[in-house]
Amino acid sequence: MKFLESSLRTYARKVIEWFLKKYKLECTVKLKLVAYESIDCWGATEEGKKRGEYCIWVAKDQALREFIATLIHELVHVKQYEKKKWSGTGEAEANRLQYKLADRVWIDGII
């Protein structure tokens, strides 16, 4: 099921705020919603021009649970950069947490 872009932005804002608070991160995360074809993956993150500034690209044309899990996956990378702590590429931690935390979003009533 596809969701309106405005709804996705609202959900994403709530999830980003929740995640930053949960991990006590003081940084800025900007979100870009794009079509899957334009990034050829479900999510990508890149540091901004300043320390503590990040930009996350997430494909908007996926199911809501997948969208939230993808967003959280990329937020885990933000946490890794901010805390300067990860193992290998950081993918194992991001993969391990993405659905666990996505489900927590619903359990905690974040969205």
N, C-alpha and C. Protein backbone atom coordinates (compact mmCIF):
# COMPACT_ATOMS: atom_id res chain seq x y z
N MET A 1 0.84 -1.18 0.00
CA MET A 1 0.00 0.00 0.00
C MET A 1 0.89 1.24 0.00
N LYS A 2 0.56 2.18 -0.85
CA LYS A 2 1.31 3.42 -0.91
C LYS A 2 0.61 4.47 -0.05
N PHE A 3 1.39 5.30 0.58
CA PHE A 3 0.86 6.35 1.43
C PHE A 3 1.16 7.70 0.81
N LEU A 4 0.35 8.68 1.15
CA LEU A 4 0.60 10.02 0.68
C LEU A 4 1.93 10.51 1.21
N GLU A 5 2.63 11.27 0.39
CA GLU A 5 3.94 11.76 0.80
C GLU A 5 3.85 12.60 2.07
N SER A 6 2.77 13.37 2.23
CA SER A 6 2.63 14.19 3.44
C SER A 6 2.49 13.30 4.68
N SER A 7 1.78 12.19 4.56
CA SER A 7 1.66 11.24 5.68
C SER A 7 3.00 10.61 6.01
N LEU A 8 3.75 10.24 4.98
CA LEU A 8 5.07 9.65 5.21
C LEU A 8 5.99 10.64 5.92
N ARG A 9 5.93 11.90 5.53
CA ARG A 9 6.76 12.92 6.18
C ARG A 9 6.36 13.08 7.66
N THR A 10 5.07 13.05 7.93
CA THR A 10 4.59 13.18 9.31
C THR A 10 5.08 11.99 10.13
N TYR A 11 4.91 10.79 9.62
CA TYR A 11 5.38 9.59 10.33
C TYR A 11 6.89 9.64 10.53
N ALA A 12 7.60 10.00 9.47
CA ALA A 12 9.06 10.03 9.54
C ALA A 12 9.53 11.04 10.58
N ARG A 13 8.91 12.21 10.63
CA ARG A 13 9.30 13.24 11.60
C ARG A 13 9.15 12.70 13.02
N LYS A 14 8.03 12.02 13.28
CA LYS A 14 7.79 11.46 14.61
C LYS A 14 8.82 10.39 14.95
N VAL A 15 9.14 9.54 13.99
CA VAL A 15 10.11 8.47 14.21
C VAL A 15 11.51 9.05 14.43
N ILE A 16 11.88 10.03 13.64
CA ILE A 16 13.20 10.65 13.80
C ILE A 16 13.31 11.29 15.18
N GLU A 17 12.30 12.05 15.59
CA GLU A 17 12.32 12.68 16.91
C GLU A 17 12.43 11.63 18.02
N TRP A 18 11.65 10.57 17.90
CA TRP A 18 11.66 9.48 18.89
C TRP A 18 13.04 8.83 18.95
N PHE A 19 13.62 8.53 17.80
CA PHE A 19 14.91 7.86 17.74
C PHE A 19 16.01 8.74 18.34
N LEU A 20 16.05 10.02 17.97
CA LEU A 20 17.08 10.92 18.49
C LEU A 20 16.98 11.05 20.00
N LYS A 21 15.76 11.12 20.51
CA LYS A 21 15.56 11.21 21.95
C LYS A 21 15.97 9.91 22.63
N LYS A 22 15.56 8.78 22.06
CA LYS A 22 15.86 7.46 22.63
C LYS A 22 17.37 7.26 22.80
N TYR A 23 18.14 7.69 21.82
CA TYR A 23 19.59 7.48 21.85
C TYR A 23 20.37 8.74 22.28
N LYS A 24 19.63 9.74 22.75
CA LYS A 24 20.26 10.98 23.26
C LYS A 24 21.23 11.57 22.23
N LEU A 25 20.74 11.73 21.02
CA LEU A 25 21.55 12.28 19.94
C LEU A 25 21.16 13.74 19.71
N GLU A 26 22.14 14.58 19.67
CA GLU A 26 21.91 16.00 19.39
C GLU A 26 22.47 16.31 18.02
N CYS A 27 21.66 16.03 17.02
CA CYS A 27 22.07 16.27 15.64
C CYS A 27 20.83 16.61 14.83
N THR A 28 21.06 16.98 13.61
CA THR A 28 19.98 17.32 12.69
C THR A 28 19.89 16.26 11.61
N VAL A 29 18.68 15.78 11.37
CA VAL A 29 18.46 14.80 10.32
C VAL A 29 17.43 15.36 9.35
N LYS A 30 17.84 15.49 8.11
CA LYS A 30 16.94 15.93 7.05
C LYS A 30 16.54 14.69 6.26
N LEU A 31 15.30 14.67 5.82
CA LEU A 31 14.76 13.51 5.10
C LEU A 31 14.41 13.91 3.67
N LYS A 32 14.82 13.09 2.73
CA LYS A 32 14.43 13.27 1.34
C LYS A 32 13.68 12.01 0.92
N LEU A 33 12.46 12.18 0.48
CA LEU A 33 11.67 11.07 -0.03
C LEU A 33 11.85 11.02 -1.54
N VAL A 34 12.23 9.88 -2.04
CA VAL A 34 12.50 9.74 -3.47
C VAL A 34 11.89 8.44 -3.97
N ALA A 35 11.76 8.34 -5.28
CA ALA A 35 11.31 7.10 -5.89
C ALA A 35 12.44 6.09 -5.87
N TYR A 36 12.09 4.84 -5.71
CA TYR A 36 13.09 3.77 -5.65
C TYR A 36 14.06 3.83 -6.82
N GLU A 37 13.55 4.07 -8.00
CA GLU A 37 14.39 4.07 -9.20
C GLU A 37 15.49 5.13 -9.16
N SER A 38 15.25 6.22 -8.45
CA SER A 38 16.23 7.30 -8.46
C SER A 38 17.43 7.03 -7.55
N ILE A 39 17.29 6.12 -6.57
CA ILE A 39 18.43 5.81 -5.71
C ILE A 39 18.83 4.34 -5.80
N ASP A 40 18.01 3.52 -6.47
CA ASP A 40 18.28 2.11 -6.69
C ASP A 40 18.54 1.35 -5.39
N CYS A 41 17.93 1.80 -4.32
CA CYS A 41 17.98 1.10 -3.04
C CYS A 41 16.85 1.67 -2.20
N TRP A 42 16.63 1.13 -1.03
CA TRP A 42 15.53 1.59 -0.21
C TRP A 42 15.90 2.76 0.68
N GLY A 43 17.16 2.92 1.01
CA GLY A 43 17.56 4.04 1.86
C GLY A 43 19.03 4.32 1.71
N ALA A 44 19.43 5.55 1.96
CA ALA A 44 20.84 5.93 1.89
C ALA A 44 21.04 7.11 2.83
N THR A 45 22.20 7.18 3.44
CA THR A 45 22.47 8.30 4.34
C THR A 45 23.79 8.94 3.96
N GLU A 46 23.86 10.22 4.16
CA GLU A 46 25.09 10.95 3.89
C GLU A 46 25.20 12.07 4.90
N GLU A 47 26.40 12.27 5.41
CA GLU A 47 26.59 13.37 6.34
C GLU A 47 26.37 14.68 5.62
N GLY A 48 25.85 15.64 6.35
CA GLY A 48 25.68 16.97 5.80
C GLY A 48 27.01 17.69 5.73
N LYS A 49 26.96 18.95 5.41
CA LYS A 49 28.18 19.73 5.27
C LYS A 49 28.80 20.08 6.62
N LYS A 50 28.02 20.01 7.67
CA LYS A 50 28.52 20.35 9.01
C LYS A 50 28.47 19.11 9.89
N ARG A 51 29.30 19.11 10.91
CA ARG A 51 29.26 18.03 11.91
C ARG A 51 27.89 18.01 12.56
N GLY A 52 27.34 16.83 12.74
CA GLY A 52 26.05 16.71 13.39
C GLY A 52 24.87 16.97 12.48
N GLU A 53 25.10 17.02 11.19
CA GLU A 53 24.04 17.25 10.21
C GLU A 53 24.03 16.09 9.23
N TYR A 54 22.87 15.45 9.09
CA TYR A 54 22.75 14.27 8.24
C TYR A 54 21.58 14.42 7.29
N CYS A 55 21.70 13.77 6.16
CA CYS A 55 20.60 13.72 5.20
C CYS A 55 20.35 12.26 4.88
N ILE A 56 19.10 11.85 5.00
CA ILE A 56 18.72 10.47 4.72
C ILE A 56 17.76 10.47 3.53
N TRP A 57 18.04 9.62 2.57
CA TRP A 57 17.15 9.41 1.45
C TRP A 57 16.43 8.09 1.69
N VAL A 58 15.12 8.11 1.56
CA VAL A 58 14.34 6.88 1.73
C VAL A 58 13.36 6.79 0.57
N ALA A 59 13.30 5.61 -0.03
CA ALA A 59 12.35 5.38 -1.12
C ALA A 59 10.94 5.43 -0.55
N LYS A 60 10.09 6.22 -1.17
CA LYS A 60 8.72 6.41 -0.67
C LYS A 60 7.77 5.35 -1.19
N ASP A 61 8.17 4.61 -2.20
CA ASP A 61 7.26 3.64 -2.81
C ASP A 61 7.51 2.23 -2.25
N GLN A 62 7.22 2.09 -0.94
CA GLN A 62 7.29 0.80 -0.27
C GLN A 62 6.22 0.77 0.82
N ALA A 63 5.93 -0.40 1.32
CA ALA A 63 4.93 -0.55 2.37
C ALA A 63 5.35 0.25 3.60
N LEU A 64 4.38 0.68 4.40
CA LEU A 64 4.67 1.55 5.54
C LEU A 64 5.65 0.91 6.52
N ARG A 65 5.48 -0.34 6.87
CA ARG A 65 6.40 -0.99 7.81
C ARG A 65 7.81 -1.02 7.24
N GLU A 66 7.92 -1.29 5.95
CA GLU A 66 9.23 -1.30 5.29
C GLU A 66 9.84 0.10 5.28
N PHE A 67 9.01 1.10 5.03
CA PHE A 67 9.47 2.50 5.04
C PHE A 67 10.04 2.86 6.41
N ILE A 68 9.31 2.53 7.47
CA ILE A 68 9.75 2.85 8.83
C ILE A 68 11.03 2.06 9.16
N ALA A 69 11.07 0.79 8.80
CA ALA A 69 12.26 -0.02 9.06
C ALA A 69 13.48 0.53 8.31
N THR A 70 13.27 0.97 7.07
CA THR A 70 14.36 1.55 6.29
C THR A 70 14.85 2.84 6.93
N LEU A 71 13.92 3.68 7.34
CA LEU A 71 14.28 4.93 8.02
C LEU A 71 15.09 4.63 9.28
N ILE A 72 14.64 3.68 10.07
CA ILE A 72 15.35 3.32 11.30
C ILE A 72 16.73 2.74 10.97
N HIS A 73 16.81 1.93 9.95
CA HIS A 73 18.11 1.38 9.53
C HIS A 73 19.10 2.52 9.30
N GLU A 74 18.67 3.54 8.59
CA GLU A 74 19.55 4.69 8.30
C GLU A 74 19.81 5.51 9.56
N LEU A 75 18.83 5.60 10.44
CA LEU A 75 19.04 6.31 11.71
C LEU A 75 20.06 5.59 12.59
N VAL A 76 20.10 4.27 12.51
CA VAL A 76 21.11 3.53 13.25
C VAL A 76 22.50 3.94 12.76
N HIS A 77 22.64 4.15 11.46
CA HIS A 77 23.93 4.63 10.94
C HIS A 77 24.24 6.03 11.46
N VAL A 78 23.24 6.87 11.56
CA VAL A 78 23.45 8.21 12.15
C VAL A 78 23.96 8.05 13.58
N LYS A 79 23.33 7.17 14.34
CA LYS A 79 23.76 6.92 15.72
C LYS A 79 25.22 6.45 15.75
N GLN A 80 25.55 5.57 14.85
CA GLN A 80 26.92 5.06 14.79
C GLN A 80 27.92 6.18 14.52
N TYR A 81 27.59 7.06 13.57
CA TYR A 81 28.48 8.18 13.25
C TYR A 81 28.61 9.12 14.44
N GLU A 82 27.48 9.43 15.07
CA GLU A 82 27.49 10.37 16.19
C GLU A 82 28.24 9.82 17.40
N LYS A 83 28.04 8.54 17.68
CA LYS A 83 28.69 7.92 18.84
C LYS A 83 30.10 7.42 18.51
N LYS A 84 30.41 7.46 17.19
CA LYS A 84 31.71 6.96 16.71
C LYS A 84 31.97 5.52 17.17
N LYS A 85 30.92 4.71 17.04
CA LYS A 85 31.03 3.33 17.49
C LYS A 85 30.23 2.41 16.57
N TRP A 86 30.95 1.53 15.88
CA TRP A 86 30.31 0.50 15.07
C TRP A 86 31.34 -0.58 14.77
N SER A 87 30.84 -1.70 14.35
CA SER A 87 31.70 -2.82 14.02
C SER A 87 31.59 -3.08 12.52
N GLY A 88 32.72 -3.29 11.86
CA GLY A 88 32.71 -3.54 10.42
C GLY A 88 32.10 -2.37 9.68
N THR A 89 31.12 -2.66 8.84
CA THR A 89 30.45 -1.59 8.08
C THR A 89 29.29 -0.98 8.86
N GLY A 90 28.93 -1.59 9.98
CA GLY A 90 27.79 -1.12 10.77
C GLY A 90 26.48 -1.73 10.31
N GLU A 91 26.52 -2.48 9.24
CA GLU A 91 25.29 -3.06 8.67
C GLU A 91 24.66 -4.10 9.59
N ALA A 92 25.46 -4.89 10.28
CA ALA A 92 24.90 -5.94 11.14
C ALA A 92 24.01 -5.33 12.21
N GLU A 93 24.46 -4.27 12.86
CA GLU A 93 23.65 -3.61 13.89
C GLU A 93 22.40 -2.99 13.27
N ALA A 94 22.56 -2.31 12.14
CA ALA A 94 21.41 -1.67 11.48
C ALA A 94 20.37 -2.72 11.07
N ASN A 95 20.83 -3.82 10.53
CA ASN A 95 19.91 -4.90 10.13
C ASN A 95 19.22 -5.52 11.35
N ARG A 96 19.97 -5.69 12.42
CA ARG A 96 19.42 -6.30 13.64
C ARG A 96 18.34 -5.43 14.28
N LEU A 97 18.52 -4.12 14.23
CA LEU A 97 17.61 -3.21 14.92
C LEU A 97 16.45 -2.69 14.08
N GLN A 98 16.55 -2.72 12.76
CA GLN A 98 15.55 -2.03 11.94
C GLN A 98 14.11 -2.49 12.18
N TYR A 99 13.85 -3.78 12.20
CA TYR A 99 12.47 -4.25 12.41
C TYR A 99 12.10 -4.26 13.89
N LYS A 100 13.07 -4.55 14.73
CA LYS A 100 12.82 -4.53 16.17
C LYS A 100 12.35 -3.14 16.60
N LEU A 101 13.05 -2.11 16.15
CA LEU A 101 12.67 -0.74 16.52
C LEU A 101 11.45 -0.26 15.73
N ALA A 102 11.30 -0.70 14.50
CA ALA A 102 10.11 -0.34 13.73
C ALA A 102 8.86 -0.84 14.44
N ASP A 103 8.90 -2.06 14.92
CA ASP A 103 7.75 -2.60 15.65
C ASP A 103 7.55 -1.86 16.96
N ARG A 104 8.63 -1.43 17.60
CA ARG A 104 8.55 -0.67 18.85
C ARG A 104 7.83 0.65 18.61
N VAL A 105 7.99 1.24 17.44
CA VAL A 105 7.31 2.49 17.08
C VAL A 105 5.80 2.33 17.22
N TRP A 106 5.27 1.19 16.75
CA TRP A 106 3.83 0.95 16.87
C TRP A 106 3.45 0.60 18.31
N ILE A 107 4.24 -0.22 18.95
CA ILE A 107 3.95 -0.62 20.33
C ILE A 107 3.90 0.59 21.25
N ASP A 108 4.85 1.51 21.06
CA ASP A 108 4.92 2.72 21.90
C ASP A 108 3.96 3.82 21.47
N GLY A 109 3.22 3.58 20.39
CA GLY A 109 2.24 4.57 19.93
C GLY A 109 2.85 5.80 19.30
N ILE A 110 4.06 5.69 18.76
CA ILE A 110 4.71 6.82 18.12
C ILE A 110 3.95 7.20 16.85
N ILE A 111 3.50 6.20 16.13
CA ILE A 111 2.64 6.46 14.95
C ILE A 111 1.44 5.52 15.04
